[in-house]
N, C-alpha and C. Protein backbone atom coordinates (compact mmCIF):
# COMPACT_ATOMS: atom_id res chain seq x y z
N MET A 1 -29.27 -17.61 -33.86
CA MET A 1 -28.96 -17.43 -32.96
C MET A 1 -28.77 -15.96 -31.95
N ALA A 2 -28.78 -16.04 -31.14
CA ALA A 2 -28.79 -15.48 -29.32
C ALA A 2 -27.21 -15.00 -29.69
N ALA A 3 -27.87 -13.52 -29.14
CA ALA A 3 -25.78 -12.80 -28.52
C ALA A 3 -25.90 -13.82 -27.62
N PRO A 4 -24.30 -14.34 -27.81
CA PRO A 4 -23.82 -14.28 -25.81
C PRO A 4 -24.80 -12.93 -25.18
N GLU A 5 -24.50 -13.98 -24.43
CA GLU A 5 -24.99 -12.47 -22.82
C GLU A 5 -23.80 -11.13 -22.07
N LYS A 6 -23.49 -10.91 -22.09
CA LYS A 6 -22.53 -10.16 -21.73
C LYS A 6 -22.78 -10.19 -20.23
N GLN A 7 -21.58 -10.36 -19.19
CA GLN A 7 -21.28 -10.30 -18.79
C GLN A 7 -21.62 -9.20 -17.66
N PRO A 8 -20.89 -9.25 -16.60
CA PRO A 8 -20.88 -7.21 -16.25
C PRO A 8 -19.80 -7.44 -15.63
N THR A 9 -19.07 -6.30 -15.58
CA THR A 9 -17.34 -6.44 -15.49
C THR A 9 -18.00 -5.56 -14.33
N ARG A 10 -16.51 -5.41 -13.24
CA ARG A 10 -16.40 -4.15 -12.15
C ARG A 10 -15.24 -4.21 -12.90
N PRO A 11 -15.11 -2.17 -12.27
CA PRO A 11 -14.49 -1.42 -12.62
C PRO A 11 -13.43 -2.11 -12.05
N VAL A 12 -12.36 -1.72 -12.68
CA VAL A 12 -10.64 -2.18 -12.21
C VAL A 12 -9.92 -0.32 -12.07
N ARG A 13 -10.10 0.01 -10.37
CA ARG A 13 -9.75 1.65 -10.67
C ARG A 13 -8.32 1.38 -9.88
N ASN A 14 -7.50 2.37 -10.09
CA ASN A 14 -6.30 2.94 -10.11
C ASN A 14 -5.73 4.01 -9.84
N PHE A 15 -5.23 4.29 -9.17
CA PHE A 15 -4.08 5.59 -8.49
C PHE A 15 -3.17 5.18 -8.12
N SER A 16 -1.65 5.59 -9.05
CA SER A 16 -0.48 6.00 -8.61
C SER A 16 0.96 6.99 -8.79
N VAL A 17 1.29 7.48 -7.97
CA VAL A 17 2.00 8.64 -7.59
C VAL A 17 3.34 8.26 -7.31
N LEU A 18 4.24 8.85 -7.95
CA LEU A 18 5.29 9.31 -6.82
C LEU A 18 5.87 10.31 -5.50
N LEU A 19 6.65 9.96 -5.02
CA LEU A 19 6.56 10.63 -3.69
C LEU A 19 8.26 10.64 -2.98
N SER A 20 8.59 11.99 -3.15
CA SER A 20 9.49 12.07 -2.28
C SER A 20 9.95 11.02 -1.09
N SER A 21 11.20 10.40 -1.53
CA SER A 21 11.60 9.38 0.40
C SER A 21 11.73 10.34 1.50
N THR A 22 10.65 10.97 2.30
CA THR A 22 11.07 11.89 3.14
C THR A 22 9.53 11.82 4.11
N ALA A 23 9.75 11.72 5.09
CA ALA A 23 8.32 11.54 6.02
C ALA A 23 7.17 12.38 5.69
N ARG A 24 7.84 13.60 4.95
CA ARG A 24 6.41 14.68 4.21
C ARG A 24 5.76 13.55 3.16
N GLY A 25 6.80 13.04 2.66
CA GLY A 25 6.82 11.89 1.19
C GLY A 25 5.12 10.75 1.98
N ALA A 26 6.29 10.12 3.45
CA ALA A 26 4.67 9.59 4.08
C ALA A 26 4.22 9.85 4.21
N ARG A 27 3.20 11.16 4.38
CA ARG A 27 2.60 11.42 5.12
C ARG A 27 1.01 11.86 4.24
N LEU A 28 1.90 12.62 3.34
CA LEU A 28 1.11 13.23 1.32
C LEU A 28 0.39 11.27 1.12
N ALA A 29 1.32 10.16 1.51
CA ALA A 29 1.20 8.99 0.61
C ALA A 29 -0.29 8.67 1.55
N ARG A 30 0.01 8.92 2.74
CA ARG A 30 -1.55 8.38 3.82
C ARG A 30 -2.90 9.58 3.06
N LEU A 31 -2.16 10.53 2.79
CA LEU A 31 -3.27 11.64 3.07
C LEU A 31 -3.88 11.76 1.25
N LEU A 32 -2.59 11.15 0.54
CA LEU A 32 -3.91 10.83 -0.83
C LEU A 32 -4.34 9.53 -1.60
N ALA A 33 -3.98 8.90 -0.21
CA ALA A 33 -5.02 7.18 0.09
C ALA A 33 -6.04 8.00 0.16
N GLU A 34 -5.67 8.36 1.46
CA GLU A 34 -7.02 8.60 2.01
C GLU A 34 -8.65 9.74 1.23
N ASP A 35 -7.91 10.54 0.73
CA ASP A 35 -8.33 11.57 -0.49
C ASP A 35 -9.15 10.23 -1.58
N GLN A 36 -8.33 9.09 -2.17
CA GLN A 36 -8.83 8.75 -3.15
C GLN A 36 -9.95 7.93 -2.73
N LEU A 37 -9.42 7.11 -1.94
CA LEU A 37 -10.61 6.06 -1.28
C LEU A 37 -12.14 6.97 -1.64
N ARG A 38 -11.85 8.10 -1.09
CA ARG A 38 -13.87 9.04 -0.36
C ARG A 38 -13.72 8.91 -2.60
N VAL A 39 -12.92 9.84 -3.48
CA VAL A 39 -13.20 10.10 -4.88
C VAL A 39 -13.55 8.62 -4.80
N TRP A 40 -13.60 7.48 -4.86
CA TRP A 40 -14.31 6.60 -5.02
C TRP A 40 -15.18 5.89 -4.55
N GLY A 41 -15.62 6.89 -3.82
CA GLY A 41 -16.86 6.54 -2.51
C GLY A 41 -16.13 5.25 -1.81
N LEU A 42 -15.69 4.78 -1.38
CA LEU A 42 -15.11 3.82 -0.45
C LEU A 42 -14.26 3.91 0.67
N HIS A 43 -15.06 2.78 2.14
CA HIS A 43 -14.37 3.29 3.17
C HIS A 43 -14.10 1.93 4.10
N SER A 44 -12.54 1.79 4.61
CA SER A 44 -12.03 0.81 4.78
C SER A 44 -12.11 1.51 6.57
N ALA A 45 -12.33 0.94 7.14
CA ALA A 45 -10.96 1.35 8.99
C ALA A 45 -9.46 1.39 8.84
N GLY A 46 -8.90 -0.11 8.32
CA GLY A 46 -7.59 0.35 8.49
C GLY A 46 -7.10 0.13 7.27
N ALA A 47 -6.93 0.52 6.04
CA ALA A 47 -6.93 0.74 4.71
C ALA A 47 -5.69 2.17 5.09
N THR A 48 -5.57 3.44 5.76
CA THR A 48 -5.48 4.37 5.06
C THR A 48 -3.82 3.96 6.16
N GLN A 49 -4.56 3.50 7.43
CA GLN A 49 -3.05 2.33 8.73
C GLN A 49 -1.99 2.38 7.48
N VAL A 50 -2.33 1.57 7.33
CA VAL A 50 -1.37 0.33 6.47
C VAL A 50 -0.56 0.84 4.94
N VAL A 51 -1.15 2.21 4.23
CA VAL A 51 -0.51 2.93 3.57
C VAL A 51 0.82 3.98 4.36
N ALA A 52 -0.28 4.12 5.93
CA ALA A 52 1.26 4.86 6.90
C ALA A 52 2.63 4.48 6.68
N GLU A 53 1.30 3.11 7.28
CA GLU A 53 3.06 2.20 7.23
C GLU A 53 3.58 2.00 6.72
N LEU A 54 3.58 1.53 5.53
CA LEU A 54 3.95 0.23 4.46
C LEU A 54 4.73 1.94 3.51
N ALA A 55 4.17 3.07 3.88
CA ALA A 55 5.65 4.61 3.25
C ALA A 55 6.21 4.80 4.21
N ALA A 56 6.00 4.75 5.60
CA ALA A 56 6.80 4.78 6.06
C ALA A 56 8.07 4.25 5.80
N ASN A 57 7.79 2.58 5.96
CA ASN A 57 8.73 2.11 5.96
C ASN A 57 9.79 1.98 5.06
N ALA A 58 8.79 1.93 3.43
CA ALA A 58 9.64 3.20 2.40
C ALA A 58 9.92 3.84 2.73
N VAL A 59 10.17 4.82 3.18
CA VAL A 59 10.87 6.65 3.48
C VAL A 59 12.08 5.59 4.48
N THR A 60 12.33 5.21 5.41
CA THR A 60 12.54 4.32 6.92
C THR A 60 13.93 3.56 5.93
N HIS A 61 13.24 2.45 5.69
CA HIS A 61 14.32 0.91 5.30
C HIS A 61 15.02 0.95 4.11
N GLY A 62 13.48 1.79 3.22
CA GLY A 62 14.35 2.17 1.61
C GLY A 62 14.22 2.62 0.93
N ARG A 63 14.72 3.92 1.86
CA ARG A 63 15.66 5.00 1.08
C ARG A 63 15.98 5.47 0.32
N VAL A 64 16.43 5.68 -0.70
CA VAL A 64 18.01 5.97 -1.44
C VAL A 64 17.81 7.42 -1.48
N PRO A 65 19.16 8.16 -1.49
CA PRO A 65 19.44 9.91 -1.55
C PRO A 65 18.81 10.23 -2.72
N GLY A 66 17.73 10.75 -3.19
CA GLY A 66 17.72 11.31 -4.87
C GLY A 66 15.97 10.69 -5.18
N ARG A 67 15.97 9.83 -5.04
CA ARG A 67 15.43 8.36 -5.30
C ARG A 67 13.84 8.43 -4.42
N CYS A 68 12.68 8.21 -5.03
CA CYS A 68 11.33 8.33 -5.12
C CYS A 68 10.35 7.15 -4.68
N PHE A 69 10.01 7.25 -3.81
CA PHE A 69 9.20 6.25 -3.87
C PHE A 69 7.97 6.11 -4.70
N ARG A 70 7.45 4.56 -4.92
CA ARG A 70 5.43 4.96 -5.49
C ARG A 70 4.85 3.80 -4.89
N LEU A 71 3.67 5.26 -4.32
CA LEU A 71 2.55 4.63 -4.27
C LEU A 71 1.24 4.29 -5.35
N THR A 72 0.89 3.12 -4.89
CA THR A 72 -0.06 2.68 -6.09
C THR A 72 -1.14 1.34 -5.40
N LEU A 73 -2.27 2.15 -6.02
CA LEU A 73 -3.53 1.33 -5.28
C LEU A 73 -4.85 0.73 -6.07
N TYR A 74 -5.17 0.30 -5.85
CA TYR A 74 -6.08 -0.76 -6.68
C TYR A 74 -7.45 -1.48 -6.20
N VAL A 75 -8.23 -0.96 -6.63
CA VAL A 75 -9.48 -1.25 -6.21
C VAL A 75 -9.95 -2.58 -7.35
N VAL A 76 -10.49 -3.61 -7.58
CA VAL A 76 -11.44 -4.37 -7.43
C VAL A 76 -11.72 -5.28 -7.02
N GLY A 77 -13.42 -5.54 -7.43
CA GLY A 77 -13.85 -5.69 -6.23
C GLY A 77 -14.07 -5.37 -5.09
N GLY A 78 -14.30 -6.15 -3.45
CA GLY A 78 -14.87 -5.79 -2.50
C GLY A 78 -12.89 -5.71 -2.32
N THR A 79 -12.20 -5.14 -3.15
CA THR A 79 -10.31 -4.86 -2.71
C THR A 79 -9.61 -4.08 -2.48
N LEU A 80 -8.58 -3.95 -1.92
CA LEU A 80 -8.04 -2.93 -2.26
C LEU A 80 -6.27 -3.63 -1.84
N ARG A 81 -6.09 -3.85 -3.03
CA ARG A 81 -4.06 -3.59 -3.20
C ARG A 81 -3.32 -2.55 -3.39
N VAL A 82 -2.52 -2.35 -1.62
CA VAL A 82 -1.98 -1.08 -1.77
C VAL A 82 -0.35 -2.03 -2.45
N GLU A 83 0.36 -0.65 -2.54
CA GLU A 83 2.02 -1.45 -2.93
C GLU A 83 2.48 -0.11 -2.82
N VAL A 84 3.86 -0.69 -2.23
CA VAL A 84 4.74 0.42 -2.10
C VAL A 84 6.22 0.40 -2.45
N THR A 85 6.33 0.89 -3.72
CA THR A 85 7.79 0.36 -4.54
C THR A 85 8.98 1.32 -4.24
N ASP A 86 9.90 0.57 -3.80
CA ASP A 86 11.30 1.85 -2.91
C ASP A 86 12.93 0.68 -3.73
N THR A 87 13.23 1.62 -3.79
CA THR A 87 14.55 1.24 -4.61
C THR A 87 15.38 1.01 -3.37
N ARG A 88 15.06 -0.40 -2.52
CA ARG A 88 15.91 -0.71 -2.18
C ARG A 88 16.06 -1.65 -1.87
N GLY A 89 15.59 -3.28 -3.47
CA GLY A 89 16.06 -4.48 -2.65
C GLY A 89 16.76 -5.13 -2.19
N ASP A 90 17.78 -5.03 -2.07
CA ASP A 90 18.72 -5.65 -0.98
C ASP A 90 18.17 -5.65 0.45
N ARG A 91 17.10 -4.87 0.60
CA ARG A 91 16.82 -4.59 2.15
C ARG A 91 14.68 -5.58 1.93
N LEU A 92 14.81 -6.60 2.16
CA LEU A 92 13.66 -7.42 1.89
C LEU A 92 13.01 -7.00 3.68
N PRO A 93 11.63 -6.80 4.03
CA PRO A 93 10.90 -6.97 5.38
C PRO A 93 10.67 -7.49 5.67
N ARG A 94 10.27 -8.21 7.03
CA ARG A 94 9.74 -9.54 7.34
C ARG A 94 9.41 -8.78 8.24
N ALA A 95 8.46 -9.48 9.34
CA ALA A 95 7.27 -9.05 10.83
C ALA A 95 8.14 -9.64 11.68
N GLY A 96 9.00 -8.82 12.37
CA GLY A 96 9.54 -9.59 13.82
C GLY A 96 8.65 -9.15 14.90
N GLN A 97 9.21 -9.61 16.73
CA GLN A 97 9.02 -8.81 17.46
C GLN A 97 9.56 -7.80 18.08
N ALA A 98 9.40 -6.66 18.02
CA ALA A 98 10.03 -5.55 18.25
C ALA A 98 10.48 -5.33 20.30
N PRO A 99 11.98 -5.08 20.51
CA PRO A 99 11.66 -5.01 21.87
C PRO A 99 11.30 -4.27 22.78
N PRO A 100 10.48 -4.92 23.82
CA PRO A 100 9.14 -4.30 24.69
C PRO A 100 9.45 -2.53 24.53
N ASP A 101 10.71 -1.97 24.55
CA ASP A 101 11.14 -0.87 25.32
C ASP A 101 11.18 -0.63 24.48
N ALA A 102 11.63 -0.73 22.46
CA ALA A 102 11.80 -0.06 20.86
C ALA A 102 10.53 0.93 20.76
N ASP A 103 11.19 2.28 20.53
CA ASP A 103 10.70 3.02 20.02
C ASP A 103 9.37 2.89 18.60
N SER A 104 10.51 1.92 17.82
CA SER A 104 10.07 1.33 15.99
C SER A 104 10.02 -0.39 16.29
N GLY A 105 9.47 -0.86 14.85
CA GLY A 105 9.95 -1.59 14.14
C GLY A 105 8.36 -2.42 14.87
N ARG A 106 7.00 -1.88 14.76
CA ARG A 106 6.29 -2.97 14.27
C ARG A 106 5.13 -2.58 13.36
N GLY A 107 5.51 -1.83 12.75
CA GLY A 107 4.75 -1.45 11.27
C GLY A 107 4.13 -2.63 10.16
N LEU A 108 5.19 -3.09 10.54
CA LEU A 108 4.96 -4.83 9.40
C LEU A 108 4.13 -5.54 10.42
N LEU A 109 3.65 -5.35 11.35
CA LEU A 109 2.80 -6.04 12.80
C LEU A 109 1.60 -5.51 12.71
N ILE A 110 2.15 -4.44 12.88
CA ILE A 110 0.07 -3.20 12.22
C ILE A 110 -0.17 -4.08 11.16
N VAL A 111 1.14 -4.12 9.88
CA VAL A 111 -0.01 -4.20 8.90
C VAL A 111 -0.92 -5.52 8.74
N GLU A 112 0.27 -6.70 9.12
CA GLU A 112 -0.85 -8.18 9.71
C GLU A 112 -1.44 -8.02 10.03
N ALA A 113 -1.84 -7.33 11.06
CA ALA A 113 -3.22 -6.81 11.60
C ALA A 113 -4.64 -6.54 10.91
N LEU A 114 -4.46 -5.47 10.32
CA LEU A 114 -5.35 -5.49 10.09
C LEU A 114 -5.59 -5.36 8.15
N ALA A 115 -4.50 -6.03 7.67
CA ALA A 115 -4.29 -6.84 5.85
C ALA A 115 -5.52 -8.33 6.39
N ASP A 116 -5.36 -8.65 5.23
CA ASP A 116 -6.07 -9.72 4.48
C ASP A 116 -4.78 -10.71 4.52
N ARG A 117 -4.11 -10.00 3.65
CA ARG A 117 -3.17 -11.06 2.93
C ARG A 117 -1.73 -9.31 2.97
N TRP A 118 -0.31 -10.06 2.67
CA TRP A 118 0.06 -8.66 2.22
C TRP A 118 1.65 -9.70 2.23
N GLY A 119 3.04 -8.99 1.54
CA GLY A 119 3.56 -9.83 0.97
C GLY A 119 4.73 -9.05 0.00
N VAL A 120 5.76 -9.48 -0.51
CA VAL A 120 6.79 -8.83 -1.28
C VAL A 120 7.16 -9.18 -1.87
N VAL A 121 6.95 -8.54 -3.33
CA VAL A 121 8.12 -8.92 -4.52
C VAL A 121 9.17 -7.86 -4.51
N PRO A 122 10.12 -9.40 -4.54
CA PRO A 122 11.76 -8.06 -5.25
C PRO A 122 11.88 -8.01 -6.85
N GLY A 123 12.54 -7.06 -7.21
CA GLY A 123 12.84 -6.42 -8.26
C GLY A 123 11.57 -5.50 -8.88
N PRO A 124 11.94 -5.42 -10.46
CA PRO A 124 13.11 -5.56 -11.08
C PRO A 124 14.29 -4.90 -10.17
N CYS A 125 15.48 -4.41 -10.64
CA CYS A 125 16.82 -4.07 -9.54
C CYS A 125 17.14 -3.21 -10.17
N PRO A 126 16.78 -2.09 -8.76
CA PRO A 126 16.91 -2.12 -7.62
C PRO A 126 15.35 -1.79 -6.85
N ARG A 127 14.51 -2.69 -7.04
CA ARG A 127 13.67 -2.32 -6.47
C ARG A 127 12.94 -3.37 -6.24
N LYS A 128 12.24 -3.14 -5.19
CA LYS A 128 10.92 -4.22 -4.16
C LYS A 128 9.79 -3.83 -4.19
N THR A 129 8.86 -4.15 -3.65
CA THR A 129 7.49 -3.87 -3.84
C THR A 129 6.87 -4.37 -2.17
N VAL A 130 6.62 -3.42 -1.66
CA VAL A 130 5.42 -4.29 -0.21
C VAL A 130 4.01 -4.42 -0.98
N TRP A 131 3.30 -5.02 -0.38
CA TRP A 131 1.59 -4.70 -0.87
C TRP A 131 0.77 -5.77 0.31
N ALA A 132 -0.26 -5.00 -0.01
CA ALA A 132 -1.14 -5.24 1.56
C ALA A 132 -2.00 -5.28 0.60
N GLU A 133 -2.86 -6.34 0.72
CA GLU A 133 -4.36 -6.34 0.44
C GLU A 133 -5.81 -6.15 2.18
N VAL A 134 -6.72 -5.20 1.59
CA VAL A 134 -7.45 -5.16 2.63
C VAL A 134 -9.02 -5.05 1.78
N GLY A 135 -9.88 -5.52 3.02
CA GLY A 135 -11.23 -5.23 2.13
C GLY A 135 -11.72 -4.25 2.68
N VAL A 136 -12.63 -3.71 1.53
CA VAL A 136 -12.70 -1.57 1.61
C VAL A 136 -14.91 -2.06 1.16
N ARG A 137 -15.59 -1.04 1.40
CA ARG A 137 -17.13 -1.44 1.66
C ARG A 137 -17.37 0.05 0.63
N ARG A 138 -18.74 0.14 0.66
CA ARG A 138 -18.75 1.43 -0.47
C ARG A 138 -19.76 1.72 1.06
N HIS A 139 -19.62 3.87 0.32
CA HIS A 139 -19.64 4.15 1.81
C HIS A 139 -21.63 4.39 1.52
N THR A 140 -22.44 4.49 2.40
CA THR A 140 -23.83 4.28 2.33
C THR A 140 -23.93 5.60 3.11
């Protein structure tokens, strides 16, 4: 009897880091994501902007003094999943229309425009995770 044929497996790449809930931590999240995609040999026009927006929201709306936020990146096939977890599970984000004269409030609209899908997973208490999925391709 012949041995069963092995199915080719795609590696699941992942990266995770805790960062300070500060503007500096948000900038570092974007830079680390950019660097990690380069290490993996992947490119996405909007991925680092999605990371920047989710990290900025975590430090602006999800900040608890003395607590960090977590950036996690997963790549499965041609999809990058970005997860940003903060410690303000009581403040669930939603995309909304900012007033025209507002200086902020458009981050999730940008995420919605750049990502294939996005959402929020509450818990475990006191946390929440905001995630987005973006298509990626190999550098040529």
